[in-house]
N, C-alpha and C. Protein backbone atom coordinates (compact mmCIF):
# COMPACT_ATOMS: atom_id res chain seq x y z
N MET A 1 0.95 -1.18 0.04
CA MET A 1 0.02 0.03 0.02
C MET A 1 0.88 1.23 0.07
N THR A 2 0.56 2.26 -0.81
CA THR A 2 1.28 3.43 -0.83
C THR A 2 0.38 4.60 -0.48
N LEU A 3 0.86 5.32 0.62
CA LEU A 3 -0.02 6.43 1.02
C LEU A 3 0.70 7.68 0.32
N THR A 4 -0.12 8.46 -0.35
CA THR A 4 0.27 9.69 -0.90
C THR A 4 -0.44 10.89 -0.11
N ILE A 5 0.37 11.68 0.51
CA ILE A 5 -0.11 12.84 1.20
C ILE A 5 0.43 14.15 0.64
N PRO A 6 -0.47 15.00 0.30
CA PRO A 6 0.03 16.27 -0.22
C PRO A 6 1.13 16.89 0.72
N ASP A 7 2.10 17.59 0.25
CA ASP A 7 3.12 18.14 1.11
C ASP A 7 2.71 19.08 2.19
N GLU A 8 1.70 19.92 1.72
CA GLU A 8 1.15 20.86 2.68
C GLU A 8 0.36 20.27 3.88
N LYS A 9 -0.42 19.01 3.39
CA LYS A 9 -1.04 18.36 4.56
C LYS A 9 0.04 17.54 5.43
N TYR A 10 0.89 17.05 4.79
CA TYR A 10 2.05 16.37 5.60
C TYR A 10 2.69 17.33 6.51
N GLU A 11 3.08 18.46 6.01
CA GLU A 11 3.76 19.53 6.97
C GLU A 11 2.73 20.01 8.06
N ALA A 12 1.53 20.18 7.75
CA ALA A 12 0.49 20.62 8.87
C ALA A 12 0.35 19.56 9.89
N ILE A 13 0.32 18.31 9.54
CA ILE A 13 0.33 17.19 10.53
C ILE A 13 1.63 17.19 11.32
N LEU A 14 2.67 17.28 10.62
CA LEU A 14 4.00 17.13 11.35
C LEU A 14 4.09 18.31 12.42
N LYS A 15 3.61 19.47 12.06
CA LYS A 15 3.76 20.57 12.99
C LYS A 15 2.94 20.35 14.18
N GLN A 16 1.87 19.49 14.06
CA GLN A 16 0.98 19.35 15.13
C GLN A 16 1.62 18.19 16.18
N ILE A 17 2.37 17.20 15.62
CA ILE A 17 2.81 16.24 16.48
C ILE A 17 4.29 16.34 16.78
N GLU A 18 5.06 17.15 16.19
CA GLU A 18 6.59 17.09 16.45
C GLU A 18 6.78 17.62 17.95
N SER A 19 7.93 17.20 18.49
CA SER A 19 8.25 17.45 19.86
C SER A 19 9.73 17.39 19.98
N LYS A 20 10.21 18.69 20.29
CA LYS A 20 11.70 18.74 20.42
C LYS A 20 12.26 17.94 21.66
N GLU A 21 11.22 17.75 22.70
CA GLU A 21 11.65 17.04 23.94
C GLU A 21 11.71 15.55 23.75
N SER A 22 11.04 14.96 22.63
CA SER A 22 11.01 13.50 22.42
C SER A 22 12.22 13.04 21.68
N PRO A 23 12.77 11.82 22.08
CA PRO A 23 13.86 11.36 21.44
C PRO A 23 13.55 10.80 20.02
N VAL A 24 12.29 10.60 19.74
CA VAL A 24 12.01 10.20 18.27
C VAL A 24 11.40 11.39 17.53
N GLY A 25 11.34 12.59 18.13
CA GLY A 25 10.92 13.68 17.39
C GLY A 25 9.34 14.01 17.32
N ILE A 26 8.60 13.15 17.84
CA ILE A 26 7.21 13.43 17.83
C ILE A 26 6.74 13.19 19.25
N ASP A 27 5.42 13.83 19.50
CA ASP A 27 4.74 13.64 20.77
C ASP A 27 3.85 12.48 20.71
N ALA A 28 4.28 11.37 21.15
CA ALA A 28 3.43 10.03 20.98
C ALA A 28 1.98 10.16 21.47
N GLY A 29 1.88 10.81 22.64
CA GLY A 29 0.49 10.97 23.24
C GLY A 29 -0.43 11.75 22.29
N LYS A 30 0.11 12.82 21.90
CA LYS A 30 -0.64 13.76 20.98
C LYS A 30 -1.06 13.00 19.70
N THR A 31 0.02 12.29 19.10
CA THR A 31 -0.16 11.61 18.01
C THR A 31 -1.33 10.55 18.13
N HIS A 32 -1.33 9.84 19.22
CA HIS A 32 -2.32 8.81 19.44
C HIS A 32 -3.70 9.51 19.58
N VAL A 33 -3.74 10.61 20.29
CA VAL A 33 -4.95 11.38 20.55
C VAL A 33 -5.60 11.68 19.08
N LEU A 34 -4.70 12.36 18.27
CA LEU A 34 -5.20 12.70 16.95
C LEU A 34 -5.62 11.48 16.13
N ILE A 35 -5.01 10.36 16.14
CA ILE A 35 -5.48 9.14 15.59
C ILE A 35 -6.77 8.68 15.98
N LEU A 36 -6.90 8.57 17.35
CA LEU A 36 -8.15 8.11 17.86
C LEU A 36 -9.38 9.00 17.62
N HIS A 37 -9.10 10.42 17.58
CA HIS A 37 -10.02 11.34 17.29
C HIS A 37 -10.52 11.21 15.88
N LYS A 38 -9.56 10.94 14.95
CA LYS A 38 -9.98 10.73 13.53
C LYS A 38 -10.78 9.50 13.35
N LEU A 39 -10.35 8.52 14.02
CA LEU A 39 -11.06 7.13 14.02
C LEU A 39 -12.57 7.33 14.55
N LEU A 40 -12.77 8.13 15.52
CA LEU A 40 -14.07 8.25 16.15
C LEU A 40 -14.96 9.16 15.08
N GLU A 41 -14.29 10.15 14.46
CA GLU A 41 -14.93 10.82 13.29
C GLU A 41 -15.50 9.89 12.19
N ILE A 42 -14.53 8.93 11.97
CA ILE A 42 -14.94 8.00 10.78
C ILE A 42 -15.98 7.18 11.16
N GLU A 43 -15.92 6.69 12.52
CA GLU A 43 -16.99 5.83 13.10
C GLU A 43 -18.30 6.49 13.07
N GLN A 44 -18.31 7.76 13.48
CA GLN A 44 -19.65 8.45 13.45
C GLN A 44 -20.26 8.72 12.03
N ARG A 45 -19.24 8.95 11.05
CA ARG A 45 -19.66 9.11 9.63
C ARG A 45 -20.26 7.85 9.14
N LEU A 46 -19.62 6.64 9.45
CA LEU A 46 -20.12 5.43 9.04
C LEU A 46 -21.39 5.06 9.57
N GLU A 47 -21.69 5.38 10.88
CA GLU A 47 -22.92 5.03 11.47
C GLU A 47 -24.01 5.97 10.82
N ARG A 48 -23.74 7.23 10.43
CA ARG A 48 -24.80 8.11 9.70
C ARG A 48 -25.03 7.49 8.29
N LEU A 49 -23.93 7.09 7.62
CA LEU A 49 -24.21 6.48 6.36
C LEU A 49 -25.08 5.10 6.43
N GLU A 50 -24.61 4.22 7.44
CA GLU A 50 -25.49 3.20 7.48
C GLU A 50 -26.95 3.40 7.82
N ALA A 51 -27.16 4.45 8.65
CA ALA A 51 -28.57 4.70 9.06
C ALA A 51 -29.31 5.16 7.86
N ALA A 52 -28.67 6.00 6.95
CA ALA A 52 -29.23 6.59 5.81
C ALA A 52 -29.56 5.40 4.88
N VAL A 53 -28.70 4.44 4.67
CA VAL A 53 -28.87 3.38 3.83
C VAL A 53 -30.09 2.50 4.30
N ASN A 54 -30.04 2.28 5.63
CA ASN A 54 -31.12 1.48 6.22
C ASN A 54 -32.53 2.11 6.12
N GLN A 55 -32.56 3.42 6.12
CA GLN A 55 -33.79 4.17 5.94
C GLN A 55 -34.37 4.04 4.43
N ARG A 56 -33.39 3.99 3.45
CA ARG A 56 -33.81 3.88 2.06
C ARG A 56 -34.30 2.44 1.92
N ASN A 57 -33.75 1.48 2.58
CA ASN A 57 -34.12 0.18 2.38
C ASN A 57 -35.39 -0.32 3.08
N ASP A 58 -35.85 0.55 3.99
CA ASP A 58 -37.17 0.31 4.74
C ASP A 58 -38.39 0.71 4.00
């Protein structure tokens, strides 16, 4: 799988998660929070889509 992220989006994400204090250069806690937040948004969107499909099928 190849992930293609536009440079501007990549830089915006990197600015949000980078950390000068971390030995790996990113704030792992903040990174995980951002990932979990996005997953929750996806889950909510999927639930809305499923509800819309179910309404059409009824």
